[in-house]
Amino acid sequence: MEHLTIKANGASFHLARHGRGKPLLLLHGWPEFWLTWEPVMSRLADRYMLIAPDLRGFGDSDKPDGPYGSDGHAADMLALMQGLGISRFGVVGHDVGGAVMQSLARRAPERLAGLFLFDFVYPGIGPRMAAPDRLNHIWYQSFHQMEMAERLVGASRESCRLYIGHFLKGWAHRKNAFDDVLDDFTDNFLKDGNLAGGFAYYRAAHAGRVAMIKGEAPALPPIAIPTCVRWAEHDPLFPYAWTDRLGETFGELDLAMFPGVGHFPHREDPDRAATEIAAFFGRIGWS
């Protein structure tokens, strides 16, 4: 595993790179950083060049000055890949990474060979996101926008470990998926600026999510890039039933359930995740 720092779009980005072959950009969610992808990277390194950056605000990448959303992250990733000398690539992501991928696809479709996504937010979820029986699942999105959030979560190592672990375990179906790296994740979020850096995404995304919940998200044409979605069977945050309108956002869609996992398929079942990723990018065969 090689670790690099790349200057791009006015900031410094840390990334891990592993393997050889056609390039795949791996985009993490919250509360994650590049390390979430390590099991998948080790399984695909014989076939692909895996590039797993820390998004701005996360890990060892620079931090934003304020709210920082998917459009900003997309511009960062395009510049980062250009800085690596890579003009065309596939993208894999979930959660926040899935939102960034939608911005990437609308901003520079010619640079993307294909999109592979695990569970994420897209406009078709609509008002279901804030239905009365879902409110206990989305409280953190409001909490992360409060000025006190960083100080409360980061008050001690114990409080940070408890908070980050709550999501890594609570959103997973295979509850031990992050046990071996929970201390690494805690160390990561205790680094200066990383709690606030991650929370900055929720501040930036708030207006768009309110519009989605009110049914007022702008109608956009479907993304035409080949897209594969493998949605978890047991995701408590984003139920599989919410995939019913994905065809409105992705015009060339391969959708199937990912059985036996929760919100983190790539970490809960990396063998199957790697197999699905390789099968998709093998099918589309880009040049």
C-alpha atoms as a PDB file:
ATOM      1  CA  MET A   1       0.000   0.000   0.000  1.00  0.00           C
ATOM      2  CA  GLU A   2       1.422   3.342  -1.097  1.00  0.00           C
ATOM      3  CA  HIS A   3       0.460   6.615   0.615  1.00  0.00           C
ATOM      4  CA  LEU A   4       0.695   9.902  -1.271  1.00  0.00           C
ATOM      5  CA  THR A   5      -0.096  13.561  -0.752  1.00  0.00           C
ATOM      6  CA  ILE A   6      -1.386  15.348  -3.864  1.00  0.00           C
ATOM      7  CA  LYS A   7      -1.990  19.074  -4.317  1.00  0.00           C
ATOM      8  CA  ALA A   8      -5.259  19.629  -6.158  1.00  0.00           C
ATOM      9  CA  ASN A   9      -7.938  22.315  -6.363  1.00  0.00           C
ATOM     10  CA  GLY A  10      -6.112  24.505  -3.852  1.00  0.00           C
ATOM     11  CA  ALA A  11      -5.711  21.847  -1.153  1.00  0.00           C
ATOM     12  CA  SER A  12      -3.574  18.865  -0.144  1.00  0.00           C
ATOM     13  CA  PHE A  13      -5.128  15.412  -0.274  1.00  0.00           C
ATOM     14  CA  HIS A  14      -3.941  12.202   1.276  1.00  0.00           C
ATOM     15  CA  LEU A  15      -4.643   9.012  -0.638  1.00  0.00           C
ATOM     16  CA  ALA A  16      -3.785   5.352  -0.492  1.00  0.00           C
ATOM     17  CA  ARG A  17      -2.916   3.619  -3.763  1.00  0.00           C
ATOM     18  CA  HIS A  18      -2.624  -0.100  -4.327  1.00  0.00           C
ATOM     19  CA  GLY A  19      -2.469  -2.486  -7.269  1.00  0.00           C
ATOM     20  CA  ARG A  20      -2.081  -2.175 -11.002  1.00  0.00           C
ATOM     21  CA  GLY A  21      -4.420  -2.013 -13.952  1.00  0.00           C
ATOM     22  CA  LYS A  22      -7.284   0.267 -14.861  1.00  0.00           C
ATOM     23  CA  PRO A  23      -7.867   2.962 -12.238  1.00  0.00           C
ATOM     24  CA  LEU A  24     -10.760   2.861  -9.782  1.00  0.00           C
ATOM     25  CA  LEU A  25     -11.419   5.835  -7.496  1.00  0.00           C
ATOM     26  CA  LEU A  26     -12.912   4.737  -4.162  1.00  0.00           C
ATOM     27  CA  LEU A  27     -15.012   7.329  -2.308  1.00  0.00           C
ATOM     28  CA  HIS A  28     -15.806   6.805   1.366  1.00  0.00           C
ATOM     29  CA  GLY A  29     -18.783   7.977   3.396  1.00  0.00           C
ATOM     30  CA  TRP A  30     -19.238   9.280   6.933  1.00  0.00           C
ATOM     31  CA  PRO A  31     -17.948   8.305   9.504  1.00  0.00           C
ATOM     32  CA  GLU A  32     -15.132   6.899   7.420  1.00  0.00           C
ATOM     33  CA  PHE A  33     -11.851   7.684   5.685  1.00  0.00           C
ATOM     34  CA  TRP A  34      -9.655   5.798   3.210  1.00  0.00           C
ATOM     35  CA  LEU A  35      -9.101   2.841   5.574  1.00  0.00           C
ATOM     36  CA  THR A  36     -12.685   1.662   5.147  1.00  0.00           C
ATOM     37  CA  TRP A  37     -11.707   0.392   1.672  1.00  0.00           C
ATOM     38  CA  GLU A  38      -8.610  -1.598   2.655  1.00  0.00           C
ATOM     39  CA  PRO A  39     -10.262  -5.063   2.554  1.00  0.00           C
ATOM     40  CA  VAL A  40     -11.668  -4.428  -0.934  1.00  0.00           C
ATOM     41  CA  MET A  41      -8.385  -2.942  -2.144  1.00  0.00           C
ATOM     42  CA  SER A  42      -6.430  -6.017  -1.096  1.00  0.00           C
ATOM     43  CA  ARG A  43      -8.849  -8.228  -3.050  1.00  0.00           C
ATOM     44  CA  LEU A  44      -8.784  -6.179  -6.269  1.00  0.00           C
ATOM     45  CA  ALA A  45      -5.115  -5.138  -6.426  1.00  0.00           C
ATOM     46  CA  ASP A  46      -4.237  -7.885  -8.920  1.00  0.00           C
ATOM     47  CA  ARG A  47      -6.682  -6.422 -11.470  1.00  0.00           C
ATOM     48  CA  TYR A  48      -7.080  -2.694 -10.812  1.00  0.00           C
ATOM     49  CA  MET A  49      -5.216   0.328  -9.547  1.00  0.00           C
ATOM     50  CA  LEU A  50      -7.193   1.295  -6.451  1.00  0.00           C
ATOM     51  CA  ILE A  51      -7.070   4.954  -5.388  1.00  0.00           C
ATOM     52  CA  ALA A  52      -8.688   5.708  -2.027  1.00  0.00           C
ATOM     53  CA  PRO A  53      -8.441   9.384  -1.004  1.00  0.00           C
ATOM     54  CA  ASP A  54      -9.510  11.083   2.177  1.00  0.00           C
ATOM     55  CA  LEU A  55     -12.138  13.595   1.089  1.00  0.00           C
ATOM     56  CA  ARG A  56     -11.507  17.203   2.068  1.00  0.00           C
ATOM     57  CA  GLY A  57     -12.217  17.433   5.791  1.00  0.00           C
ATOM     58  CA  PHE A  58     -11.454  13.770   6.471  1.00  0.00           C
ATOM     59  CA  GLY A  59      -8.365  11.754   7.359  1.00  0.00           C
ATOM     60  CA  ASP A  60      -5.102  13.447   6.482  1.00  0.00           C
ATOM     61  CA  SER A  61      -6.491  15.717   3.766  1.00  0.00           C
ATOM     62  CA  ASP A  62      -6.876  19.467   4.228  1.00  0.00           C
ATOM     63  CA  LYS A  63      -9.983  20.801   5.961  1.00  0.00           C
ATOM     64  CA  PRO A  64     -12.586  23.184   4.511  1.00  0.00           C
ATOM     65  CA  ASP A  65     -13.185  26.603   6.038  1.00  0.00           C
ATOM     66  CA  GLY A  66     -16.935  26.027   6.285  1.00  0.00           C
ATOM     67  CA  PRO A  67     -19.743  23.927   4.787  1.00  0.00           C
ATOM     68  CA  TYR A  68     -18.434  21.700   2.011  1.00  0.00           C
ATOM     69  CA  GLY A  69     -20.763  19.622  -0.141  1.00  0.00           C
ATOM     70  CA  SER A  70     -20.792  17.146  -2.984  1.00  0.00           C
ATOM     71  CA  ASP A  71     -20.056  19.674  -5.734  1.00  0.00           C
ATOM     72  CA  GLY A  72     -16.909  20.816  -3.949  1.00  0.00           C
ATOM     73  CA  HIS A  73     -15.798  17.238  -3.329  1.00  0.00           C
ATOM     74  CA  ALA A  74     -16.437  16.381  -6.984  1.00  0.00           C
ATOM     75  CA  ALA A  75     -14.244  19.274  -8.152  1.00  0.00           C
ATOM     76  CA  ASP A  76     -11.550  18.096  -5.721  1.00  0.00           C
ATOM     77  CA  MET A  77     -11.629  14.529  -7.044  1.00  0.00           C
ATOM     78  CA  LEU A  78     -11.472  15.568 -10.695  1.00  0.00           C
ATOM     79  CA  ALA A  79      -8.439  17.735  -9.928  1.00  0.00           C
ATOM     80  CA  LEU A  80      -6.850  14.995  -7.826  1.00  0.00           C
ATOM     81  CA  MET A  81      -7.154  12.413 -10.595  1.00  0.00           C
ATOM     82  CA  GLN A  82      -5.787  14.916 -13.099  1.00  0.00           C
ATOM     83  CA  GLY A  83      -2.877  15.490 -10.718  1.00  0.00           C
ATOM     84  CA  LEU A  84      -2.204  11.752 -10.824  1.00  0.00           C
ATOM     85  CA  GLY A  85      -2.184  11.880 -14.622  1.00  0.00           C
ATOM     86  CA  ILE A  86      -5.415   9.864 -14.923  1.00  0.00           C
ATOM     87  CA  SER A  87      -7.898  11.197 -17.431  1.00  0.00           C
ATOM     88  CA  ARG A  88     -10.529   8.434 -17.353  1.00  0.00           C
ATOM     89  CA  PHE A  89     -11.452   6.126 -14.512  1.00  0.00           C
ATOM     90  CA  GLY A  90     -14.163   4.124 -12.799  1.00  0.00           C
ATOM     91  CA  VAL A  91     -15.641   5.210  -9.490  1.00  0.00           C
ATOM     92  CA  VAL A  92     -16.816   3.158  -6.509  1.00  0.00           C
ATOM     93  CA  GLY A  93     -18.500   4.682  -3.485  1.00  0.00           C
ATOM     94  CA  HIS A  94     -21.290   4.782  -0.964  1.00  0.00           C
ATOM     95  CA  ASP A  95     -22.993   7.125   1.486  1.00  0.00           C
ATOM     96  CA  VAL A  96     -21.387  10.594   1.104  1.00  0.00           C
ATOM     97  CA  GLY A  97     -19.260   9.110  -1.677  1.00  0.00           C
ATOM     98  CA  GLY A  98     -22.452   8.245  -3.570  1.00  0.00           C
ATOM     99  CA  ALA A  99     -23.580  11.869  -3.446  1.00  0.00           C
ATOM    100  CA  VAL A 100     -20.177  12.986  -4.705  1.00  0.00           C
ATOM    101  CA  MET A 101     -20.428  10.472  -7.552  1.00  0.00           C
ATOM    102  CA  GLN A 102     -23.688  12.019  -8.743  1.00  0.00           C
ATOM    103  CA  SER A 103     -22.012  15.437  -8.860  1.00  0.00           C
ATOM    104  CA  LEU A 104     -18.995  13.927 -10.647  1.00  0.00           C
ATOM    105  CA  ALA A 105     -21.209  12.293 -13.255  1.00  0.00           C
ATOM    106  CA  ARG A 106     -23.052  15.513 -14.024  1.00  0.00           C
ATOM    107  CA  ARG A 107     -19.919  17.638 -14.042  1.00  0.00           C
ATOM    108  CA  ALA A 108     -17.570  15.469 -16.153  1.00  0.00           C
ATOM    109  CA  PRO A 109     -19.296  12.388 -17.610  1.00  0.00           C
ATOM    110  CA  GLU A 110     -16.630  12.022 -20.291  1.00  0.00           C
ATOM    111  CA  ARG A 111     -14.029  11.206 -17.639  1.00  0.00           C
ATOM    112  CA  LEU A 112     -16.000   8.406 -15.978  1.00  0.00           C
ATOM    113  CA  ALA A 113     -16.034   4.877 -17.376  1.00  0.00           C
ATOM    114  CA  GLY A 114     -18.633   3.580 -14.941  1.00  0.00           C
ATOM    115  CA  LEU A 115     -20.195   4.055 -11.515  1.00  0.00           C
ATOM    116  CA  PHE A 116     -20.491   1.380  -8.831  1.00  0.00           C
ATOM    117  CA  LEU A 117     -22.466   2.383  -5.758  1.00  0.00           C
ATOM    118  CA  PHE A 118     -23.483   0.963  -2.420  1.00  0.00           C
ATOM    119  CA  ASP A 119     -26.250   2.586  -0.328  1.00  0.00           C
ATOM    120  CA  PHE A 120     -26.508   6.383  -0.648  1.00  0.00           C
ATOM    121  CA  VAL A 121     -28.904   9.334  -0.854  1.00  0.00           C
ATOM    122  CA  TYR A 122     -30.457  10.240  -4.197  1.00  0.00           C
ATOM    123  CA  PRO A 123     -33.415  12.541  -5.057  1.00  0.00           C
ATOM    124  CA  GLY A 124     -35.971   9.743  -5.475  1.00  0.00           C
ATOM    125  CA  ILE A 125     -35.913   8.941  -1.762  1.00  0.00           C
ATOM    126  CA  GLY A 126     -37.900  12.119  -1.308  1.00  0.00           C
ATOM    127  CA  PRO A 127     -40.165  12.632   1.724  1.00  0.00           C
ATOM    128  CA  ARG A 128     -39.508   9.103   2.957  1.00  0.00           C
ATOM    129  CA  MET A 129     -36.252  10.325   4.465  1.00  0.00           C
ATOM    130  CA  ALA A 130     -38.148  12.231   7.164  1.00  0.00           C
ATOM    131  CA  ALA A 131     -41.251  10.076   7.599  1.00  0.00           C
ATOM    132  CA  PRO A 132     -42.351   9.895  11.259  1.00  0.00           C
ATOM    133  CA  ASP A 133     -41.012   6.369  11.693  1.00  0.00           C
ATOM    134  CA  ARG A 134     -37.624   7.431  10.308  1.00  0.00           C
ATOM    135  CA  LEU A 135     -36.932  10.430  12.525  1.00  0.00           C
ATOM    136  CA  ASN A 136     -34.854   8.460  15.022  1.00  0.00           C
ATOM    137  CA  HIS A 137     -32.598   7.382  12.151  1.00  0.00           C
ATOM    138  CA  ILE A 138     -31.670  10.868  10.906  1.00  0.00           C
ATOM    139  CA  TRP A 139     -31.198  12.876  14.116  1.00  0.00           C
ATOM    140  CA  TYR A 140     -27.423  12.985  13.624  1.00  0.00           C
ATOM    141  CA  GLN A 141     -27.805  15.010  10.410  1.00  0.00           C
ATOM    142  CA  SER A 142     -29.197  17.912  12.456  1.00  0.00           C
ATOM    143  CA  PHE A 143     -26.803  17.411  15.365  1.00  0.00           C
ATOM    144  CA  HIS A 144     -23.797  17.602  13.030  1.00  0.00           C
ATOM    145  CA  GLN A 145     -24.802  21.126  12.035  1.00  0.00           C
ATOM    146  CA  MET A 146     -24.629  22.438  15.611  1.00  0.00           C
ATOM    147  CA  GLU A 147     -21.578  24.363  16.742  1.00  0.00           C
ATOM    148  CA  MET A 148     -21.323  22.261  19.899  1.00  0.00           C
ATOM    149  CA  ALA A 149     -21.185  18.928  18.021  1.00  0.00           C
ATOM    150  CA  GLU A 150     -17.413  18.857  17.544  1.00  0.00           C
ATOM    151  CA  ARG A 151     -16.710  19.789  21.169  1.00  0.00           C
ATOM    152  CA  LEU A 152     -19.144  17.246  22.590  1.00  0.00           C
ATOM    153  CA  VAL A 153     -18.005  14.325  20.449  1.00  0.00           C
ATOM    154  CA  GLY A 154     -14.336  15.252  20.770  1.00  0.00           C
ATOM    155  CA  ALA A 155     -14.415  15.998  24.506  1.00  0.00           C
ATOM    156  CA  SER A 156     -12.473  12.814  25.234  1.00  0.00           C
ATOM    157  CA  ARG A 157     -11.185   9.712  23.518  1.00  0.00           C
ATOM    158  CA  GLU A 158     -13.978   7.753  25.170  1.00  0.00           C
ATOM    159  CA  SER A 159     -16.722  10.059  23.870  1.00  0.00           C
ATOM    160  CA  CYS A 160     -15.301  10.019  20.329  1.00  0.00           C
ATOM    161  CA  ARG A 161     -14.902   6.246  20.310  1.00  0.00           C
ATOM    162  CA  LEU A 162     -18.432   5.793  21.639  1.00  0.00           C
ATOM    163  CA  TYR A 163     -19.930   8.158  19.051  1.00  0.00           C
ATOM    164  CA  ILE A 164     -18.108   6.868  15.976  1.00  0.00           C
ATOM    165  CA  GLY A 165     -18.552   3.271  17.132  1.00  0.00           C
ATOM    166  CA  HIS A 166     -22.292   3.828  17.552  1.00  0.00           C
ATOM    167  CA  PHE A 167     -22.668   4.343  13.798  1.00  0.00           C
ATOM    168  CA  LEU A 168     -20.117   1.798  12.603  1.00  0.00           C
ATOM    169  CA  LYS A 169     -21.791  -0.904  14.677  1.00  0.00           C
ATOM    170  CA  GLY A 170     -25.374   0.357  14.637  1.00  0.00           C
ATOM    171  CA  TRP A 171     -25.621   0.743  10.873  1.00  0.00           C
ATOM    172  CA  ALA A 172     -23.896  -2.588  10.174  1.00  0.00           C
ATOM    173  CA  HIS A 173     -25.721  -5.918  10.046  1.00  0.00           C
ATOM    174  CA  ARG A 174     -22.523  -7.850  10.698  1.00  0.00           C
ATOM    175  CA  LYS A 175     -21.807  -6.075  13.956  1.00  0.00           C
ATOM    176  CA  ASN A 176     -18.105  -6.908  14.126  1.00  0.00           C
ATOM    177  CA  ALA A 177     -17.244  -5.416  10.721  1.00  0.00           C
ATOM    178  CA  PHE A 178     -15.169  -2.563  12.187  1.00  0.00           C
ATOM    179  CA  ASP A 179     -14.020  -4.135  15.457  1.00  0.00           C
ATOM    180  CA  ASP A 180     -10.433  -4.544  14.275  1.00  0.00           C
ATOM    181  CA  VAL A 181     -10.129  -0.902  13.195  1.00  0.00           C
ATOM    182  CA  LEU A 182     -12.340   0.957  15.680  1.00  0.00           C
ATOM    183  CA  ASP A 183      -9.318   2.393  17.464  1.00  0.00           C
ATOM    184  CA  ASP A 184      -7.867   3.504  14.119  1.00  0.00           C
ATOM    185  CA  PHE A 185     -11.141   5.238  13.288  1.00  0.00           C
ATOM    186  CA  THR A 186     -11.192   6.880  16.710  1.00  0.00           C
ATOM    187  CA  ASP A 187      -7.615   8.100  16.272  1.00  0.00           C
ATOM    188  CA  ASN A 188      -8.556   9.472  12.859  1.00  0.00           C
ATOM    189  CA  PHE A 189     -11.505  11.507  14.089  1.00  0.00           C
ATOM    190  CA  LEU A 190      -9.517  12.848  17.045  1.00  0.00           C
ATOM    191  CA  LYS A 191      -7.047  14.501  14.666  1.00  0.00           C
ATOM    192  CA  ASP A 192      -7.361  18.283  14.519  1.00  0.00           C
ATOM    193  CA  GLY A 193     -10.291  19.340  12.356  1.00  0.00           C
ATOM    194  CA  ASN A 194     -11.584  15.899  11.391  1.00  0.00           C
ATOM    195  CA  LEU A 195     -14.822  15.957  13.360  1.00  0.00           C
ATOM    196  CA  ALA A 196     -15.672  19.440  12.100  1.00  0.00           C
ATOM    197  CA  GLY A 197     -14.430  18.504   8.627  1.00  0.00           C
ATOM    198  CA  GLY A 198     -16.852  15.610   8.395  1.00  0.00           C
ATOM    199  CA  PHE A 199     -19.705  17.602   9.904  1.00  0.00           C
ATOM    200  CA  ALA A 200     -19.121  20.306   7.250  1.00  0.00           C
ATOM    201  CA  TYR A 201     -20.715  18.014   4.675  1.00  0.00           C
ATOM    202  CA  TYR A 202     -24.014  17.963   6.570  1.00  0.00           C
ATOM    203  CA  ARG A 203     -24.113  21.733   6.780  1.00  0.00           C
ATOM    204  CA  ALA A 204     -23.601  21.979   3.033  1.00  0.00           C
ATOM    205  CA  ALA A 205     -26.104  19.225   2.229  1.00  0.00           C
ATOM    206  CA  HIS A 206     -28.895  20.527   4.454  1.00  0.00           C
ATOM    207  CA  ALA A 207     -30.725  22.748   1.965  1.00  0.00           C
ATOM    208  CA  GLY A 208     -30.683  20.050  -0.696  1.00  0.00           C
ATOM    209  CA  ARG A 209     -31.996  17.428   1.694  1.00  0.00           C
ATOM    210  CA  VAL A 210     -34.799  19.722   2.853  1.00  0.00           C
ATOM    211  CA  ALA A 211     -35.762  20.273  -0.788  1.00  0.00           C
ATOM    212  CA  MET A 212     -35.719  16.512  -1.376  1.00  0.00           C
ATOM    213  CA  ILE A 213     -37.880  15.842   1.684  1.00  0.00           C
ATOM    214  CA  LYS A 214     -40.359  18.501   0.556  1.00  0.00           C
ATOM    215  CA  GLY A 215     -40.487  16.972  -2.916  1.00  0.00           C
ATOM    216  CA  GLU A 216     -38.866  20.049  -4.408  1.00  0.00           C
ATOM    217  CA  ALA A 217     -35.560  18.594  -5.620  1.00  0.00           C
ATOM    218  CA  PRO A 218     -34.828  19.883  -9.151  1.00  0.00           C
ATOM    219  CA  ALA A 219     -35.719  17.473 -11.925  1.00  0.00           C
ATOM    220  CA  LEU A 220     -32.525  16.500 -13.746  1.00  0.00           C
ATOM    221  CA  PRO A 221     -32.040  14.204 -16.725  1.00  0.00           C
ATOM    222  CA  PRO A 222     -30.871  10.673 -15.907  1.00  0.00           C
ATOM    223  CA  ILE A 223     -27.127  10.093 -15.706  1.00  0.00           C
ATOM    224  CA  ALA A 224     -26.151   8.162 -18.837  1.00  0.00           C
ATOM    225  CA  ILE A 225     -22.957   6.533 -17.531  1.00  0.00           C
ATOM    226  CA  PRO A 226     -23.152   2.744 -16.963  1.00  0.00           C
ATOM    227  CA  THR A 227     -24.130   2.344 -13.318  1.00  0.00           C
ATOM    228  CA  CYS A 228     -24.217  -0.631 -10.970  1.00  0.00           C
ATOM    229  CA  VAL A 229     -25.948  -0.393  -7.583  1.00  0.00           C
ATOM    230  CA  ARG A 230     -25.728  -3.152  -4.985  1.00  0.00           C
ATOM    231  CA  TRP A 231     -28.002  -2.077  -2.134  1.00  0.00           C
ATOM    232  CA  ALA A 232     -27.775  -3.757   1.269  1.00  0.00           C
ATOM    233  CA  GLU A 233     -30.531  -6.092   2.389  1.00  0.00           C
ATOM    234  CA  HIS A 234     -30.436  -4.900   6.005  1.00  0.00           C
ATOM    235  CA  ASP A 235     -29.473  -1.218   5.904  1.00  0.00           C
ATOM    236  CA  PRO A 236     -31.282   0.441   8.841  1.00  0.00           C
ATOM    237  CA  LEU A 237     -30.509   3.895   7.471  1.00  0.00           C
ATOM    238  CA  PHE A 238     -31.532   3.452   3.813  1.00  0.00           C
ATOM    239  CA  PRO A 239     -34.015   0.557   3.375  1.00  0.00           C
ATOM    240  CA  TYR A 240     -33.866  -1.467   0.170  1.00  0.00           C
ATOM    241  CA  ALA A 241     -37.422  -0.350  -0.704  1.00  0.00           C
ATOM    242  CA  TRP A 242     -35.954   3.082  -1.370  1.00  0.00           C
ATOM    243  CA  THR A 243     -34.288   1.814  -4.558  1.00  0.00           C
ATOM    244  CA  ASP A 244     -37.611   1.984  -6.437  1.00  0.00           C
ATOM    245  CA  ARG A 245     -36.870   5.316  -8.137  1.00  0.00           C
ATOM    246  CA  LEU A 246     -33.172   4.875  -8.948  1.00  0.00           C
ATOM    247  CA  GLY A 247     -34.053   4.636 -12.648  1.00  0.00           C
ATOM    248  CA  GLU A 248     -35.019   8.302 -12.587  1.00  0.00           C
ATOM    249  CA  THR A 249     -31.444   9.263 -11.659  1.00  0.00           C
ATOM    250  CA  PHE A 250     -29.468   6.597 -13.554  1.00  0.00           C
ATOM    251  CA  GLY A 251     -30.436   5.821 -17.127  1.00  0.00           C
ATOM    252  CA  GLU A 252     -28.251   2.727 -17.566  1.00  0.00           C
ATOM    253  CA  LEU A 253     -28.818   0.924 -14.274  1.00  0.00           C
ATOM    254  CA  ASP A 254     -27.894  -2.529 -13.005  1.00  0.00           C
ATOM    255  CA  LEU A 255     -29.594  -2.875  -9.604  1.00  0.00           C
ATOM    256  CA  ALA A 256     -29.605  -5.825  -7.231  1.00  0.00           C
ATOM    257  CA  MET A 257     -29.825  -6.469  -3.512  1.00  0.00           C
ATOM    258  CA  PHE A 258     -26.598  -7.192  -1.629  1.00  0.00           C
ATOM    259  CA  PRO A 259     -27.706  -9.926   0.787  1.00  0.00           C
ATOM    260  CA  GLY A 260     -26.705 -10.382   4.406  1.00  0.00           C
ATOM    261  CA  VAL A 261     -25.206  -6.948   5.073  1.00  0.00           C
ATOM    262  CA  GLY A 262     -26.103  -3.548   6.469  1.00  0.00           C
ATOM    263  CA  HIS A 263     -24.969  -0.049   5.525  1.00  0.00           C
ATOM    264  CA  PHE A 264     -21.336  -1.007   4.868  1.00  0.00           C
ATOM    265  CA  PRO A 265     -21.312  -3.848   2.272  1.00  0.00           C
ATOM    266  CA  HIS A 266     -17.675  -3.182   1.356  1.00  0.00           C
ATOM    267  CA  ARG A 267     -16.573  -3.766   4.929  1.00  0.00           C
ATOM    268  CA  GLU A 268     -19.138  -6.366   6.041  1.00  0.00           C
ATOM    269  CA  ASP A 269     -18.572  -8.721   3.101  1.00  0.00           C
ATOM    270  CA  PRO A 270     -15.456  -7.588   1.200  1.00  0.00           C
ATOM    271  CA  ASP A 271     -15.194 -10.877  -0.732  1.00  0.00           C
ATOM    272  CA  ARG A 272     -18.563 -10.401  -2.369  1.00  0.00           C
ATOM    273  CA  ALA A 273     -18.103  -6.636  -2.693  1.00  0.00           C
ATOM    274  CA  ALA A 274     -14.843  -7.123  -4.599  1.00  0.00           C
ATOM    275  CA  THR A 275     -16.412  -9.788  -6.800  1.00  0.00           C
ATOM    276  CA  GLU A 276     -19.348  -7.524  -7.677  1.00  0.00           C
ATOM    277  CA  ILE A 277     -17.087  -4.543  -8.412  1.00  0.00           C
ATOM    278  CA  ALA A 278     -14.779  -6.582 -10.643  1.00  0.00           C
ATOM    279  CA  ALA A 279     -17.699  -8.198 -12.471  1.00  0.00           C
ATOM    280  CA  PHE A 280     -19.273  -4.838 -13.285  1.00  0.00           C
ATOM    281  CA  PHE A 281     -16.135  -3.128 -14.515  1.00  0.00           C
ATOM    282  CA  GLY A 282     -15.228  -6.275 -16.417  1.00  0.00           C
ATOM    283  CA  ARG A 283     -18.611  -6.197 -18.188  1.00  0.00           C
ATOM    284  CA  ILE A 284     -18.396  -2.600 -19.290  1.00  0.00           C
ATOM    285  CA  GLY A 285     -14.814  -3.045 -20.539  1.00  0.00           C
ATOM    286  CA  TRP A 286     -13.670   0.540 -20.959  1.00  0.00           C
ATOM    287  CA  SER A 287     -10.663   1.669 -22.942  1.00  0.00           C
END
